[in-house]
């Protein structure tokens, strides 16, 4: 398991370095398959962020992650992601988290898609990474151009898990329900931050989340 975690972490770090322009030899950014190449303004902003990030790292950390500036890790071919709801009570907990993560990836179609894809190998082998990234991935999907698809997918997953937990009360269903509430809590915290900031666009930007809540409640 340890080699898998190391390789997955190295691939994710390599991708972050690539996106932020920190690859040795100024390696060009890859195109994001769902959204196309980054614009020059986005690229400049990311590269500036990357330089700031590198300067903030300690010398010890630079020594550890430095090889990822020139590494050539690649993802193995992946099976097509399942559509939501992916929940099945006979699935291992981590396998379900990963399947859910992958089902949401196609719904993020902006510059964040590459970073979320880079985290997928880590989400496959570490539940903590999956639980950390899923609220962010869900939010990115709900606020993007495929918000309606994301809303339906999340509502379907929430309902499937919560019904299973209510009907069986099994340990795996209870753990899955806790994950659902963790993700839901992350989305609600984002809504509250918008409201406290009196964002003029808060109503429009939170529409998908509010509608998802209504659909879950209706079931």
Protein backbone atom coordinates (compact mmCIF):
# COMPACT_ATOMS: atom_id res chain seq x y z
CA UNK A 1 0.00 0.00 0.00
CA UNK A 2 2.81 2.43 0.86
CA UNK A 3 4.31 2.41 -2.67
CA UNK A 4 0.86 3.11 -4.12
CA UNK A 5 0.36 6.06 -1.79
CA UNK A 6 3.83 7.41 -2.62
CA UNK A 7 3.28 7.13 -6.37
CA UNK A 8 -0.16 8.74 -6.14
CA UNK A 9 1.18 11.62 -4.02
CA UNK A 10 4.10 12.12 -6.40
CA UNK A 11 1.76 12.24 -9.40
CA UNK A 12 -0.46 14.81 -7.69
CA UNK A 13 2.56 16.95 -6.77
CA UNK A 14 3.94 16.65 -10.29
CA UNK A 15 0.63 17.89 -11.69
CA UNK A 16 0.46 20.85 -9.29
CA UNK A 17 3.98 21.81 -10.35
CA UNK A 18 3.00 21.49 -13.99
CA UNK A 19 -0.11 23.61 -13.63
CA UNK A 20 1.74 26.31 -11.68
CA UNK A 21 4.71 26.45 -14.05
CA UNK A 22 7.23 24.90 -11.67
CA UNK A 23 8.32 22.05 -13.90
CA UNK A 24 12.03 22.06 -14.79
CA UNK A 25 12.80 23.49 -18.19
CA UNK A 26 9.54 25.49 -18.17
CA UNK A 27 7.62 22.47 -19.38
CA UNK A 28 4.41 23.59 -21.11
CA UNK A 29 1.10 23.15 -19.39
CA UNK A 30 -1.01 20.23 -20.51
CA UNK A 31 -4.43 20.89 -21.93
CA UNK A 32 -7.32 20.14 -19.66
CA UNK A 33 -9.33 17.66 -21.69
CA UNK A 34 -12.72 18.95 -20.59
CA UNK A 35 -11.98 22.67 -20.86
CA UNK A 36 -9.12 23.09 -23.34
CA UNK A 37 -5.88 24.98 -22.75
CA UNK A 38 -5.65 27.66 -20.09
CA UNK A 39 -5.74 31.25 -21.25
CA UNK A 40 -2.59 33.37 -20.97
CA UNK A 41 -3.98 35.39 -18.06
CA UNK A 42 -4.92 32.22 -16.14
CA UNK A 43 -1.50 30.71 -16.88
CA UNK A 44 0.34 33.81 -15.67
CA UNK A 45 -1.72 33.89 -12.48
CA UNK A 46 -1.08 30.21 -11.76
CA UNK A 47 2.64 30.52 -12.46
CA UNK A 48 2.88 33.48 -10.09
CA UNK A 49 1.09 31.44 -7.44
CA UNK A 50 3.48 28.56 -8.08
CA UNK A 51 6.56 30.72 -7.58
CA UNK A 52 5.16 32.07 -4.32
CA UNK A 53 4.35 28.55 -3.19
CA UNK A 54 7.87 27.30 -3.95
CA UNK A 55 9.50 30.15 -2.06
CA UNK A 56 7.39 29.43 1.01
CA UNK A 57 8.55 25.81 1.20
CA UNK A 58 11.32 24.93 3.61
CA UNK A 59 14.58 23.58 2.24
CA UNK A 60 13.73 20.12 3.61
CA UNK A 61 10.38 20.06 1.83
CA UNK A 62 11.98 21.31 -1.39
CA UNK A 63 14.44 18.44 -1.20
CA UNK A 64 11.61 15.93 -0.82
CA UNK A 65 9.29 17.23 -3.55
CA UNK A 66 11.98 18.61 -5.85
CA UNK A 67 12.17 15.42 -7.97
CA UNK A 68 8.50 15.95 -8.89
CA UNK A 69 9.58 18.97 -10.94
CA UNK A 70 11.05 16.61 -13.53
CA UNK A 71 9.27 13.29 -12.84
CA UNK A 72 7.23 11.57 -15.54
CA UNK A 73 4.47 9.77 -13.66
CA UNK A 74 1.45 8.89 -15.78
CA UNK A 75 -2.01 7.61 -14.97
CA UNK A 76 -2.91 4.10 -16.01
CA UNK A 77 -5.99 3.84 -18.26
CA UNK A 78 -9.16 4.17 -16.20
CA UNK A 79 -12.49 2.46 -16.59
CA UNK A 80 -15.42 4.70 -17.43
CA UNK A 81 -16.86 6.29 -14.31
CA UNK A 82 -20.25 5.08 -13.13
CA UNK A 83 -23.22 7.41 -13.05
CA UNK A 84 -24.81 8.42 -9.75
CA UNK A 85 -25.93 6.95 -7.55
CA UNK A 86 -22.84 4.78 -7.31
CA UNK A 87 -23.66 3.63 -3.76
CA UNK A 88 -24.03 -0.09 -3.16
CA UNK A 89 -24.02 -1.52 0.33
CA UNK A 90 -21.80 -4.42 -0.74
CA UNK A 91 -19.01 -2.04 -1.82
CA UNK A 92 -16.03 -1.41 0.47
CA UNK A 93 -16.20 2.08 1.98
CA UNK A 94 -13.08 3.39 0.22
CA UNK A 95 -14.16 1.90 -3.11
CA UNK A 96 -17.47 3.77 -2.81
CA UNK A 97 -15.76 7.08 -1.96
CA UNK A 98 -13.49 6.70 -4.97
CA UNK A 99 -16.34 5.73 -7.30
CA UNK A 100 -18.31 8.77 -6.12
CA UNK A 101 -15.27 11.00 -6.60
CA UNK A 102 -14.76 9.77 -10.16
CA UNK A 103 -18.46 10.16 -11.00
CA UNK A 104 -18.21 13.88 -10.20
CA UNK A 105 -15.00 14.57 -12.11
CA UNK A 106 -16.61 14.99 -15.57
CA UNK A 107 -18.86 17.71 -14.13
CA UNK A 108 -15.92 20.03 -13.45
CA UNK A 109 -15.04 21.60 -16.77
CA UNK A 110 -12.82 24.55 -15.87
CA UNK A 111 -9.14 24.89 -14.95
CA UNK A 112 -9.70 23.02 -11.69
CA UNK A 113 -10.48 19.77 -13.51
CA UNK A 114 -6.83 18.85 -13.96
CA UNK A 115 -6.06 19.30 -10.26
CA UNK A 116 -9.03 17.23 -9.13
CA UNK A 117 -8.07 14.53 -11.63
CA UNK A 118 -4.54 14.56 -10.25
CA UNK A 119 -5.89 13.84 -6.76
CA UNK A 120 -7.93 10.85 -7.95
CA UNK A 121 -5.14 8.26 -7.46
CA UNK A 122 -4.70 9.44 -3.86
CA UNK A 123 -8.46 9.36 -3.27
CA UNK A 124 -8.40 5.75 -4.44
CA UNK A 125 -5.97 4.62 -1.73
CA UNK A 126 -6.64 7.04 1.15
CA UNK A 127 -10.10 7.77 2.55
CA UNK A 128 -8.81 10.89 4.28
CA UNK A 129 -7.83 12.41 0.95
CA UNK A 130 -11.17 11.46 -0.58
CA UNK A 131 -13.09 13.03 2.31
CA UNK A 132 -10.94 16.16 2.16
CA UNK A 133 -11.38 16.62 -1.59
CA UNK A 134 -15.01 15.58 -2.09
CA UNK A 135 -16.57 18.76 -0.62
CA UNK A 136 -14.33 20.88 -2.84
CA UNK A 137 -15.05 18.72 -5.87
CA UNK A 138 -18.79 18.89 -5.20
CA UNK A 139 -18.64 22.66 -4.88
CA UNK A 140 -16.66 23.02 -8.10
CA UNK A 141 -19.24 20.90 -9.91
CA UNK A 142 -22.21 22.79 -8.43
CA UNK A 143 -20.82 26.19 -9.42
CA UNK A 144 -19.68 25.26 -12.93
CA UNK A 145 -21.35 25.01 -16.30
CA UNK A 146 -22.73 21.54 -15.51
CA UNK A 147 -24.35 22.62 -12.25
CA UNK A 148 -27.69 21.00 -13.08
CA UNK A 149 -26.06 17.62 -13.75
CA UNK A 150 -24.07 17.94 -10.53
CA UNK A 151 -27.17 18.85 -8.54
CA UNK A 152 -29.03 15.75 -9.75
CA UNK A 153 -26.02 13.49 -9.19
CA UNK A 154 -25.39 14.70 -5.65
CA UNK A 155 -29.06 14.53 -4.70
CA UNK A 156 -29.28 10.97 -6.04
CA UNK A 157 -26.20 9.89 -4.08
CA UNK A 158 -27.36 11.55 -0.87
CA UNK A 159 -30.79 9.92 -1.08
CA UNK A 160 -29.40 6.46 -1.94
CA UNK A 161 -27.01 6.50 1.01
CA UNK A 162 -29.45 7.90 3.56
CA UNK A 163 -32.20 5.47 2.55
CA UNK A 164 -29.77 2.58 2.86
CA UNK A 165 -28.69 3.78 6.29
CA UNK A 166 -32.30 4.11 7.44
CA UNK A 167 -33.32 0.69 6.13
CA UNK A 168 -30.33 -1.43 7.14
CA UNK A 169 -28.42 0.53 9.75
CA UNK A 170 -25.28 -1.41 8.80
CA UNK A 171 -21.83 -0.16 9.76
CA UNK A 172 -20.90 0.56 6.14
CA UNK A 173 -24.15 2.47 5.52
CA UNK A 174 -23.61 4.48 8.70
CA UNK A 175 -20.07 5.39 7.63
CA UNK A 176 -21.36 6.41 4.21
CA UNK A 177 -24.06 8.58 5.80
CA UNK A 178 -21.41 10.30 7.90
CA UNK A 179 -19.47 11.03 4.70
CA UNK A 180 -22.60 12.50 3.10
CA UNK A 181 -23.16 14.80 6.07
CA UNK A 182 -19.47 15.79 6.00
CA UNK A 183 -19.77 16.86 2.37
CA UNK A 184 -23.10 18.56 2.99
CA UNK A 185 -21.60 20.47 5.91
CA UNK A 186 -18.77 21.68 3.68
CA UNK A 187 -21.24 23.01 1.12
CA UNK A 188 -23.31 24.77 3.78
CA UNK A 189 -20.20 26.41 5.22
CA UNK A 190 -19.43 27.82 1.79
CA UNK A 191 -22.97 29.22 1.53
CA UNK A 192 -22.60 30.86 4.93
CA UNK A 193 -19.28 32.44 3.94
CA UNK A 194 -20.95 33.96 0.91
CA UNK A 195 -23.81 35.32 2.98
CA UNK A 196 -21.49 36.84 5.59
CA UNK A 197 -19.54 38.48 2.82
CA UNK A 198 -22.76 39.94 1.37
CA UNK A 199 -21.79 38.68 -2.06
CA UNK A 200 -24.07 40.29 -4.63
CA UNK A 201 -24.07 37.07 -6.62
CA UNK A 202 -24.65 34.77 -3.64
CA UNK A 203 -28.24 33.98 -4.55
CA UNK A 204 -27.39 32.85 -8.07
CA UNK A 205 -24.27 30.97 -7.02
CA UNK A 206 -26.04 29.04 -4.27
CA UNK A 207 -29.09 28.10 -6.32
CA UNK A 208 -27.80 24.61 -7.17
CA UNK A 209 -26.98 23.84 -3.54
CA UNK A 210 -30.36 25.05 -2.32
CA UNK A 211 -32.16 23.03 -4.99
CA UNK A 212 -30.16 19.94 -4.08
CA UNK A 213 -31.24 20.36 -0.46
CA UNK A 214 -34.88 20.64 -1.50
CA UNK A 215 -34.66 17.47 -3.58
CA UNK A 216 -33.04 15.50 -0.77
CA UNK A 217 -35.68 16.72 1.67
CA UNK A 218 -38.45 15.72 -0.71
CA UNK A 219 -37.28 12.11 -0.52
